[in-house]
Amino acid sequence: MTKTINIFPLFVIIFTEGYIVLSSELLAIRQTLPYVGSGTDTISIIIAAVLMPLAFGYYSGGNFTSRSKNHQYKSIRKKLIQNIIISTCFLIPCLSYSFLTEFFPFLIKHGINDRIILTTLYSLLFLVTPVFLLGQTIPLISNYFSKEKLSQITGRMLFFSTLGSFMGSIISTLVLMSLFGVNYTVCVVFALLMMLVILLSKNKTSKAALLMAVITGIGFYINSSNSIKHLNIVENNVYNTVQVFEKGNSRFLVLNNNSSSKYTDTGRKHLYIEFVEKLVIKPVKNANPPKDILVIGAGGFTFGFEDKINIYDYIDIDGDLKEIAEKYILKAPLLKNKNFHPMPIRAFLSKTKKKYDIVFIDVFNSGISIPEHLVTQKFFRQIKNHLKDKGIVVSNFTSSPNFANHYSQRLDNTFRSIFPHVSRHVLRDNYKPWNNNKNALSNIIYIYRHQPNADINGIYTDNKNNSFYDRTKKTK
């Protein structure tokens, strides 16, 4: 049996299987982000949907024996090829964004809108089976090695499998997604699966090889640039699926299925952007000296776009947004007083000592895609440490207008623990005190003015009430 397949191709197969499994896991997390978010809860479900089937795949593959069925034996080679073909059939819908734009909205339309349930259904339907089948590769391949050096061969197989997983992690995210886009990274996975079938096939033009070629071609077509153009996708990188929509003279930037920015030929923007600009930008539009303004979450760079005086630092992890905004949304380059720093905000705050007159936090575009590391006391304290005296913090949260869920309550508690005496504004007049719907969301604007010597502990009691000293002495 060892003469059937050379040793080198065996290790190539093991390496490639490791690459495909890890890359598919990362792609599943990335492709589902627009619908279930990037929280640790949903990510943990996808990771579990890879690790557990992988373990069962190892076990099942180790127990496989060629067995007679209608006087025909299923060889190890045939089993491996069959596993790969079936896995590809599942991975095409699993990793193709065009398919997921139909799958998740269908479930949501029929009342299934819980993120945990959506992620679980997605994983069970499309991810568990291919990982289970691919997990059988190593124990099946081990049958081609000599049993005399079992420990040595086992160590080498695990080495090449883990090396493949390592390369799948690094190359998929840092190279392919960043340089070519998520859809082409998916195509690479399909191409590698096709390569495995070719390596395993004695006859390169067998029915199995031709079938795999057809299935791979379908996967390529679904994920080609031409096929996703109808979704208005202009960029599909490691961070965002970026869509641009035009309606009349209005242009909309959609990031991961969330409306991020709006800009019209007459300069109109999203309501909350106009609200914040009116409060904190308009009064200082002719400031001398100019104000230093930090914008966390660049989006379409519409906030302060027309301001020619003040100095802006826009922070966003997606370095492609500036070019996209200038080309599709603003239809003009940013002015020289606008600086873009494509990096994580906490890393930026850790390395800079600059302090700001205004900080605008605008990274909470929906109730699903919540950057968990940006709702903590430590992050808010970092912001406060970069405020000038009498500096202003404005944050746009997408949250429950009447604190109908724990998230809105604890977010409010956390924000006020660092920024006391904050004002809270619910936009769109949809604050309904009697509404107990936990899923009702609105743009909530928090505004804080930094007063280092503010008294945050003083209270009035019946026993000690000196309010007459504190209140204003002047009458109208």
Protein backbone atom coordinates (compact mmCIF):
# COMPACT_ATOMS: atom_id res chain seq x y z
CA MET A 1 0.00 0.00 0.00
CA THR A 2 2.88 2.36 0.72
CA LYS A 3 3.84 2.19 -2.95
CA THR A 4 0.52 3.56 -4.10
CA ILE A 5 1.20 7.15 -3.07
CA ASN A 6 4.60 8.77 -2.53
CA ILE A 7 5.49 10.09 0.90
CA PHE A 8 5.82 13.75 -0.16
CA PRO A 9 2.25 14.06 -1.54
CA LEU A 10 0.95 12.56 1.70
CA PHE A 11 2.45 15.36 3.75
CA VAL A 12 1.22 17.90 1.20
CA ILE A 13 -2.31 16.56 1.69
CA ILE A 14 -2.00 16.73 5.48
CA PHE A 15 -0.58 20.27 5.34
CA THR A 16 -3.32 21.42 2.95
CA GLU A 17 -6.08 19.90 5.09
CA GLY A 18 -4.79 21.83 8.11
CA TYR A 19 -4.71 25.02 6.04
CA ILE A 20 -8.25 24.53 4.74
CA VAL A 21 -9.82 23.83 8.14
CA LEU A 22 -8.26 26.84 9.88
CA SER A 23 -8.85 29.16 6.93
CA SER A 24 -12.49 28.03 6.72
CA GLU A 25 -12.95 28.75 10.43
CA LEU A 26 -11.62 32.31 10.05
CA LEU A 27 -13.66 32.88 6.90
CA ALA A 28 -16.82 31.65 8.64
CA ILE A 29 -16.24 34.16 11.45
CA ARG A 30 -15.59 36.94 8.92
CA GLN A 31 -18.52 36.17 6.60
CA THR A 32 -21.09 35.94 9.39
CA LEU A 33 -19.97 39.19 11.04
CA PRO A 34 -22.54 41.40 9.22
CA TYR A 35 -25.41 39.29 10.55
CA VAL A 36 -24.37 38.01 13.98
CA GLY A 37 -21.57 40.39 14.93
CA SER A 38 -18.06 39.71 16.14
CA GLY A 39 -18.73 39.11 19.82
CA THR A 40 -16.95 36.40 21.76
CA ASP A 41 -20.28 34.58 22.14
CA THR A 42 -20.82 33.99 18.42
CA ILE A 43 -17.14 33.41 17.72
CA SER A 44 -17.01 30.75 20.44
CA ILE A 45 -19.88 28.88 18.74
CA ILE A 46 -18.04 28.81 15.42
CA ILE A 47 -14.82 27.68 17.09
CA ALA A 48 -16.74 24.93 18.90
CA ALA A 49 -18.35 23.93 15.59
CA VAL A 50 -14.83 23.35 14.24
CA LEU A 51 -13.05 21.75 17.20
CA MET A 52 -15.66 19.19 18.19
CA PRO A 53 -16.37 17.83 14.66
CA LEU A 54 -12.61 17.80 14.08
CA ALA A 55 -12.16 15.58 17.14
CA PHE A 56 -14.95 13.25 16.03
CA GLY A 57 -13.45 13.22 12.54
CA TYR A 58 -10.13 12.03 13.94
CA TYR A 59 -11.92 9.28 15.84
CA SER A 60 -14.10 8.22 12.90
CA GLY A 61 -11.21 8.21 10.46
CA GLY A 62 -9.19 6.01 12.78
CA ASN A 63 -11.99 3.44 12.86
CA PHE A 64 -12.50 3.32 9.08
CA THR A 65 -11.96 0.00 7.30
CA SER A 66 -12.48 -0.89 3.67
CA ARG A 67 -15.79 -2.69 3.67
CA SER A 68 -17.77 -4.64 1.13
CA LYS A 69 -20.94 -3.13 -0.27
CA ASN A 70 -22.62 -4.88 -3.17
CA HIS A 71 -19.35 -6.83 -3.59
CA GLN A 72 -17.41 -3.57 -3.97
CA TYR A 73 -14.77 -2.26 -1.58
CA LYS A 74 -14.44 1.41 -0.72
CA SER A 75 -10.73 2.11 -0.66
CA ILE A 76 -9.08 4.69 1.54
CA ARG A 77 -8.30 6.73 -1.54
CA LYS A 78 -11.96 6.71 -2.61
CA LYS A 79 -13.07 7.61 0.91
CA LEU A 80 -10.74 10.59 1.01
CA ILE A 81 -11.92 11.87 -2.38
CA GLN A 82 -15.57 11.41 -1.39
CA ASN A 83 -14.99 13.32 1.85
CA ILE A 84 -13.40 16.23 0.00
CA ILE A 85 -16.17 16.48 -2.60
CA ILE A 86 -18.91 16.43 0.05
CA SER A 87 -16.99 18.96 2.15
CA THR A 88 -16.74 21.32 -0.81
CA CYS A 89 -20.49 21.10 -1.40
CA PHE A 90 -21.05 22.28 2.18
CA LEU A 91 -18.29 24.92 2.20
CA ILE A 92 -19.62 26.72 -0.88
CA PRO A 93 -22.76 27.99 0.92
CA CYS A 94 -20.87 28.18 4.22
CA LEU A 95 -18.23 30.64 2.98
CA SER A 96 -19.98 32.45 0.11
CA TYR A 97 -21.28 35.87 1.11
CA SER A 98 -23.78 35.90 -1.78
CA PHE A 99 -25.48 32.86 -0.29
CA LEU A 100 -25.42 34.22 3.27
CA THR A 101 -27.20 37.40 2.13
CA GLU A 102 -30.16 35.13 1.39
CA PHE A 103 -29.79 32.66 4.26
CA PHE A 104 -29.70 34.99 7.27
CA PRO A 105 -32.40 37.43 6.06
CA PHE A 106 -34.66 34.42 5.39
CA LEU A 107 -34.28 33.23 9.00
CA ILE A 108 -34.70 36.73 10.39
CA LYS A 109 -37.82 37.27 8.28
CA HIS A 110 -39.33 34.13 9.81
CA GLY A 111 -38.77 35.26 13.37
CA ILE A 112 -35.34 33.78 14.13
CA ASN A 113 -33.34 36.86 15.08
CA ASP A 114 -31.38 35.75 18.13
CA ARG A 115 -27.66 35.95 17.31
CA ILE A 116 -26.80 32.78 19.22
CA ILE A 117 -29.51 30.76 17.46
CA LEU A 118 -28.56 32.17 14.05
CA THR A 119 -24.89 31.28 14.56
CA THR A 120 -25.77 27.82 15.84
CA LEU A 121 -28.03 27.04 12.88
CA TYR A 122 -25.41 28.29 10.44
CA SER A 123 -22.71 26.17 12.07
CA LEU A 124 -24.83 23.01 12.26
CA LEU A 125 -26.06 23.27 8.68
CA PHE A 126 -22.88 24.24 6.87
CA LEU A 127 -19.75 24.00 9.03
CA VAL A 128 -19.96 20.86 11.17
CA THR A 129 -20.16 18.31 8.32
CA PRO A 130 -17.19 19.48 6.21
CA VAL A 131 -14.94 19.83 9.25
CA PHE A 132 -15.94 16.33 10.42
CA LEU A 133 -15.12 14.86 7.02
CA LEU A 134 -11.85 16.77 6.62
CA GLY A 135 -10.88 15.74 10.15
CA GLN A 136 -10.76 12.13 8.94
CA THR A 137 -7.87 12.95 6.60
CA ILE A 138 -4.94 12.40 8.99
CA PRO A 139 -6.02 9.01 10.38
CA LEU A 140 -6.95 7.83 6.87
CA ILE A 141 -3.63 8.97 5.43
CA SER A 142 -1.78 7.24 8.27
CA ASN A 143 -2.71 3.89 6.69
CA TYR A 144 -0.22 4.59 3.90
CA PHE A 145 2.71 4.81 6.28
CA SER A 146 4.75 1.99 7.75
CA LYS A 147 3.61 0.94 11.20
CA GLU A 148 7.19 0.27 12.25
CA LYS A 149 7.89 3.96 12.92
CA LEU A 150 4.47 4.89 14.23
CA SER A 151 5.57 7.49 16.81
CA GLN A 152 7.89 9.20 14.34
CA ILE A 153 5.29 9.30 11.58
CA THR A 154 2.58 10.51 13.99
CA GLY A 155 4.79 13.37 15.09
CA ARG A 156 5.47 14.38 11.49
CA MET A 157 1.79 14.22 10.54
CA LEU A 158 0.81 16.42 13.48
CA PHE A 159 3.65 18.80 12.63
CA PHE A 160 2.53 19.27 9.03
CA SER A 161 -1.14 19.54 10.01
CA THR A 162 -0.40 22.21 12.62
CA LEU A 163 1.94 23.98 10.21
CA GLY A 164 -0.86 24.04 7.67
CA SER A 165 -3.22 25.50 10.27
CA PHE A 166 -0.63 28.14 11.12
CA MET A 167 -0.22 29.10 7.48
CA GLY A 168 -3.99 29.10 7.02
CA SER A 169 -4.29 31.61 9.82
CA ILE A 170 -1.48 33.91 8.70
CA ILE A 171 -1.85 33.78 4.93
CA SER A 172 -5.66 33.97 4.89
CA THR A 173 -5.89 37.08 7.06
CA LEU A 174 -2.66 39.02 6.66
CA VAL A 175 -2.10 38.31 2.96
CA LEU A 176 -5.10 37.10 1.00
CA MET A 177 -7.96 38.97 2.71
CA SER A 178 -5.91 42.15 2.98
CA LEU A 179 -4.53 42.18 -0.56
CA PHE A 180 -7.17 40.39 -2.64
CA GLY A 181 -10.38 40.38 -0.59
CA VAL A 182 -12.44 37.83 1.27
CA ASN A 183 -14.18 36.45 -1.82
CA TYR A 184 -10.87 35.52 -3.45
CA THR A 185 -9.63 34.02 -0.19
CA VAL A 186 -12.68 31.75 -0.33
CA CYS A 187 -11.75 30.81 -3.91
CA VAL A 188 -8.28 29.79 -2.72
CA VAL A 189 -9.89 27.32 -0.29
CA PHE A 190 -11.91 25.78 -3.13
CA ALA A 191 -8.81 25.61 -5.31
CA LEU A 192 -6.92 23.76 -2.58
CA LEU A 193 -9.76 21.28 -2.19
CA MET A 194 -9.63 20.70 -5.94
CA MET A 195 -5.87 20.17 -5.68
CA LEU A 196 -6.40 17.49 -3.02
CA VAL A 197 -8.74 15.55 -5.30
CA ILE A 198 -6.19 15.73 -8.12
CA LEU A 199 -3.40 14.52 -5.83
CA LEU A 200 -5.50 11.60 -4.64
CA SER A 201 -6.90 10.58 -8.03
CA LYS A 202 -5.07 7.90 -10.02
CA ASN A 203 -6.95 8.98 -13.12
CA LYS A 204 -6.89 12.79 -13.35
CA THR A 205 -9.90 12.73 -15.68
CA SER A 206 -12.01 10.39 -13.57
CA LYS A 207 -15.68 11.10 -12.86
CA ALA A 208 -14.77 12.23 -9.34
CA ALA A 209 -12.13 14.66 -10.62
CA LEU A 210 -14.48 16.08 -13.26
CA LEU A 211 -17.29 16.41 -10.71
CA MET A 212 -14.94 18.24 -8.37
CA ALA A 213 -13.92 20.55 -11.21
CA VAL A 214 -17.56 21.45 -11.82
CA ILE A 215 -18.24 22.05 -8.10
CA THR A 216 -15.11 24.19 -7.79
CA GLY A 217 -16.14 26.19 -10.84
CA ILE A 218 -19.49 26.91 -9.19
CA GLY A 219 -17.69 28.09 -6.07
CA PHE A 220 -15.44 30.35 -8.14
CA TYR A 221 -18.41 31.84 -9.99
CA ILE A 222 -20.42 32.56 -6.84
CA ASN A 223 -17.44 34.35 -5.29
CA SER A 224 -16.20 36.18 -8.37
CA SER A 225 -16.17 39.98 -8.50
CA ASN A 226 -18.80 39.98 -11.23
CA SER A 227 -21.17 37.90 -9.12
CA ILE A 228 -20.99 40.16 -6.06
CA LYS A 229 -21.31 43.41 -8.00
CA HIS A 230 -25.09 43.22 -7.76
CA LEU A 231 -24.67 43.47 -3.98
CA ASN A 232 -23.03 46.91 -4.43
CA ILE A 233 -19.86 45.67 -2.73
CA VAL A 234 -16.89 47.93 -3.47
CA GLU A 235 -14.46 46.36 -0.99
CA ASN A 236 -14.41 43.07 0.89
CA ASN A 237 -11.36 42.95 3.14
CA VAL A 238 -10.44 41.41 6.47
CA TYR A 239 -12.33 44.08 8.43
CA ASN A 240 -15.37 45.09 6.42
CA THR A 241 -17.72 44.18 3.65
CA VAL A 242 -18.13 47.67 2.20
CA GLN A 243 -21.22 48.52 0.15
CA VAL A 244 -22.15 51.82 -1.48
CA PHE A 245 -25.72 52.68 -2.43
CA GLU A 246 -26.98 55.74 -4.30
CA LYS A 247 -30.53 57.01 -4.09
CA GLY A 248 -31.21 60.26 -5.89
CA ASN A 249 -28.56 62.71 -4.78
CA SER A 250 -27.83 60.71 -1.62
CA ARG A 251 -24.96 58.27 -1.15
CA PHE A 252 -24.84 55.67 1.62
CA LEU A 253 -21.87 53.77 3.00
CA VAL A 254 -22.77 50.39 4.51
CA LEU A 255 -20.17 48.52 6.56
CA ASN A 256 -20.91 44.90 7.43
CA ASN A 257 -24.60 45.33 6.70
CA ASN A 258 -24.85 48.45 8.92
CA SER A 259 -25.52 51.93 7.59
CA SER A 260 -22.39 53.85 8.51
CA SER A 261 -22.53 57.14 6.62
CA LYS A 262 -24.77 59.27 4.45
CA TYR A 263 -23.85 62.24 2.31
CA THR A 264 -25.85 64.21 -0.26
CA ASP A 265 -24.99 66.75 -2.90
CA THR A 266 -26.28 69.43 -0.54
CA GLY A 267 -24.18 68.23 2.41
CA ARG A 268 -26.91 66.43 4.37
CA LYS A 269 -25.75 63.63 6.67
CA HIS A 270 -27.21 61.12 9.10
CA LEU A 271 -29.41 62.79 11.71
CA TYR A 272 -27.11 62.00 14.63
CA ILE A 273 -24.08 63.41 12.77
CA GLU A 274 -25.90 66.67 12.07
CA PHE A 275 -27.06 66.77 15.70
CA VAL A 276 -23.52 66.40 17.06
CA GLU A 277 -22.03 68.87 14.57
CA LYS A 278 -24.63 71.46 15.52
CA LEU A 279 -23.78 71.10 19.21
CA VAL A 280 -20.00 70.87 19.23
CA ILE A 281 -18.57 71.78 15.79
CA LYS A 282 -20.66 74.73 14.66
CA PRO A 283 -19.81 76.89 17.74
CA VAL A 284 -16.06 76.47 17.08
CA LYS A 285 -16.02 76.48 13.27
CA ASN A 286 -13.88 79.64 13.29
CA ALA A 287 -11.82 78.78 16.38
CA ASN A 288 -8.51 80.57 16.82
CA PRO A 289 -6.36 78.72 17.61
CA PRO A 290 -7.96 75.68 15.92
CA LYS A 291 -9.45 72.95 18.09
CA ASP A 292 -7.99 69.45 18.14
CA ILE A 293 -10.69 66.90 17.34
CA LEU A 294 -10.45 63.12 17.61
CA VAL A 295 -12.97 61.01 15.64
CA ILE A 296 -13.07 57.34 16.63
CA GLY A 297 -14.69 55.38 13.80
CA ALA A 298 -14.06 57.15 10.51
CA GLY A 299 -16.89 55.63 8.48
CA GLY A 300 -17.37 57.86 5.44
CA PHE A 301 -15.45 60.80 6.98
CA THR A 302 -18.59 62.92 6.88
CA PHE A 303 -18.23 64.23 10.44
CA GLY A 304 -16.65 67.67 10.16
CA PHE A 305 -16.00 67.22 6.45
CA GLU A 306 -16.71 70.88 5.60
CA ASP A 307 -14.68 72.25 8.54
CA LYS A 308 -11.58 73.96 7.12
CA ILE A 309 -10.18 75.30 10.40
CA ASN A 310 -10.00 72.72 13.16
CA ILE A 311 -7.52 69.82 13.18
CA TYR A 312 -9.05 66.34 12.88
CA ASP A 313 -7.57 62.93 13.64
CA TYR A 314 -9.74 60.11 12.28
CA ILE A 315 -9.04 56.64 13.69
CA ASP A 316 -10.29 53.43 12.09
CA ILE A 317 -8.78 49.98 11.77
CA ASP A 318 -9.76 49.69 8.09
CA GLY A 319 -7.17 51.51 6.02
CA ASP A 320 -9.27 51.29 2.83
CA LEU A 321 -12.04 53.57 4.11
CA LYS A 322 -10.40 56.88 3.21
CA GLU A 323 -10.04 56.04 -0.47
CA ILE A 324 -13.56 54.56 -0.58
CA ALA A 325 -15.10 57.60 1.12
CA GLU A 326 -13.34 60.07 -1.16
CA LYS A 327 -14.27 58.14 -4.29
CA TYR A 328 -17.85 57.05 -3.61
CA ILE A 329 -19.31 59.12 -0.74
CA LEU A 330 -17.68 62.54 -0.49
CA LYS A 331 -16.72 62.76 -4.18
CA ALA A 332 -13.80 64.93 -3.07
CA PRO A 333 -10.49 64.50 -1.22
CA LEU A 334 -10.21 65.26 2.49
CA LEU A 335 -8.85 68.70 3.34
CA LYS A 336 -5.34 69.17 4.68
CA ASN A 337 -6.61 69.65 8.23
CA LYS A 338 -7.87 66.04 8.22
CA ASN A 339 -5.50 63.22 9.24
CA PHE A 340 -6.31 59.52 8.96
CA HIS A 341 -4.66 56.93 11.21
CA PRO A 342 -5.56 53.36 10.11
CA MET A 343 -5.01 51.49 13.35
CA PRO A 344 -6.86 50.21 16.44
CA ILE A 345 -7.99 53.11 18.63
CA ARG A 346 -6.60 51.70 21.87
CA ALA A 347 -3.21 51.26 20.24
CA PHE A 348 -3.38 54.87 19.01
CA LEU A 349 -4.27 56.17 22.46
CA SER A 350 -1.46 54.16 24.02
CA LYS A 351 1.21 55.65 21.75
CA THR A 352 0.10 59.29 21.55
CA LYS A 353 0.33 61.97 24.24
CA LYS A 354 -1.80 64.43 22.32
CA LYS A 355 -4.85 65.85 24.08
CA TYR A 356 -8.06 66.89 22.40
CA ASP A 357 -10.74 69.53 22.74
CA ILE A 358 -13.38 67.24 21.26
CA VAL A 359 -13.55 63.44 21.11
CA PHE A 360 -16.34 61.87 19.05
CA ILE A 361 -16.84 58.11 19.58
CA ASP A 362 -18.78 56.66 16.66
CA VAL A 363 -18.09 52.93 16.46
CA PHE A 364 -21.48 51.55 17.56
CA ASN A 365 -23.41 51.27 14.30
CA SER A 366 -25.85 48.59 15.43
CA GLY A 367 -26.97 46.49 18.35
CA ILE A 368 -25.17 43.47 16.87
CA SER A 369 -21.70 44.64 15.86
CA ILE A 370 -20.56 45.88 19.25
CA PRO A 371 -16.79 46.27 19.71
CA GLU A 372 -16.60 44.73 23.17
CA HIS A 373 -13.17 46.20 23.97
CA LEU A 374 -14.59 49.71 23.48
CA VAL A 375 -17.28 49.55 26.16
CA THR A 376 -14.99 49.09 29.16
CA GLN A 377 -13.90 51.43 31.93
CA LYS A 378 -10.30 51.15 30.82
CA PHE A 379 -11.09 52.38 27.33
CA PHE A 380 -13.21 55.26 28.58
CA ARG A 381 -10.45 56.17 31.02
CA GLN A 382 -7.99 56.25 28.11
CA ILE A 383 -10.27 58.73 26.38
CA LYS A 384 -10.51 60.89 29.50
CA ASN A 385 -6.74 60.97 29.85
CA HIS A 386 -6.51 62.51 26.38
CA LEU A 387 -8.97 65.33 27.09
CA LYS A 388 -7.94 68.92 27.53
CA ASP A 389 -9.46 70.91 30.39
CA LYS A 390 -13.06 71.69 29.45
CA GLY A 391 -12.75 69.25 26.57
CA ILE A 392 -15.88 67.51 25.32
CA VAL A 393 -16.61 63.81 24.76
CA VAL A 394 -19.53 62.87 22.55
CA SER A 395 -20.46 59.24 22.00
CA ASN A 396 -23.07 57.76 19.71
CA PHE A 397 -24.36 54.46 21.07
CA THR A 398 -26.97 52.29 19.39
CA SER A 399 -28.89 51.11 22.41
CA SER A 400 -32.26 50.80 24.13
CA PRO A 401 -33.73 54.29 24.59
CA ASN A 402 -35.45 53.39 27.88
CA PHE A 403 -32.90 50.96 29.38
CA ALA A 404 -35.03 47.91 28.58
CA ASN A 405 -32.05 45.51 28.59
CA HIS A 406 -28.93 44.84 30.63
CA TYR A 407 -26.59 46.09 27.91
CA SER A 408 -28.05 49.59 27.86
CA GLN A 409 -28.12 49.71 31.67
CA ARG A 410 -24.56 48.54 32.20
CA LEU A 411 -23.20 50.61 29.34
CA ASP A 412 -24.75 53.67 30.95
CA ASN A 413 -23.29 52.71 34.34
CA THR A 414 -19.85 52.16 32.83
CA PHE A 415 -19.81 55.41 30.88
CA ARG A 416 -20.97 57.49 33.86
CA SER A 417 -18.42 55.83 36.14
CA ILE A 418 -15.70 57.58 34.11
CA PHE A 419 -17.63 60.56 32.75
CA PRO A 420 -19.91 61.93 35.53
CA HIS A 421 -22.51 64.63 34.94
CA VAL A 422 -23.16 63.44 31.41
CA SER A 423 -26.19 64.38 29.33
CA ARG A 424 -28.07 61.71 27.37
CA HIS A 425 -30.11 62.43 24.24
CA VAL A 426 -32.42 59.97 22.49
CA LEU A 427 -32.84 60.83 18.82
CA ARG A 428 -35.84 60.42 16.50
CA ASP A 429 -38.40 61.03 19.24
CA ASN A 430 -38.80 57.31 19.88
CA TYR A 431 -38.30 57.38 23.62
CA LYS A 432 -41.38 55.59 24.95
CA PRO A 433 -41.20 54.98 28.72
CA TRP A 434 -43.90 52.29 28.60
CA ASN A 435 -42.21 50.29 25.85
CA ASN A 436 -40.66 47.09 27.26
CA ASN A 437 -39.26 45.84 23.96
CA LYS A 438 -35.66 44.83 24.74
CA ASN A 439 -34.74 44.91 21.05
CA ALA A 440 -35.93 48.47 20.35
CA LEU A 441 -32.87 50.52 19.40
CA SER A 442 -32.10 54.16 18.85
CA ASN A 443 -29.14 56.45 18.45
CA ILE A 444 -28.26 57.55 21.98
CA ILE A 445 -25.94 60.55 22.23
CA TYR A 446 -23.92 60.97 25.42
CA ILE A 447 -22.21 64.32 25.96
CA TYR A 448 -19.62 65.02 28.66
CA ARG A 449 -17.66 68.19 29.39
CA HIS A 450 -14.40 67.64 31.22
CA GLN A 451 -14.26 69.56 34.49
CA PRO A 452 -11.32 68.21 36.51
CA ASN A 453 -12.46 69.77 39.79
CA ALA A 454 -16.11 68.71 39.52
CA ASP A 455 -17.73 67.45 42.73
CA ILE A 456 -18.97 63.96 41.92
CA ASN A 457 -19.73 62.88 45.48
CA GLY A 458 -21.71 65.76 46.95
CA ILE A 459 -25.40 65.11 47.67
CA TYR A 460 -28.18 66.93 49.47
CA THR A 461 -29.96 65.36 52.43
CA ASP A 462 -32.71 66.48 54.78
CA ASN A 463 -30.09 66.74 57.50
CA LYS A 464 -27.48 68.61 55.49
CA ASN A 465 -28.92 70.65 52.66
CA ASN A 466 -26.76 73.49 51.41
CA SER A 467 -28.37 73.71 47.99
CA PHE A 468 -29.06 77.41 48.52
CA TYR A 469 -25.28 78.00 48.49
CA ASP A 470 -24.79 76.14 45.24
CA ARG A 471 -27.65 77.23 43.02
CA THR A 472 -27.40 80.31 40.84
CA LYS A 473 -27.76 83.65 42.60
CA LYS A 474 -29.04 85.47 39.56
CA THR A 475 -32.62 85.80 38.38
CA LYS A 476 -33.78 86.25 34.84
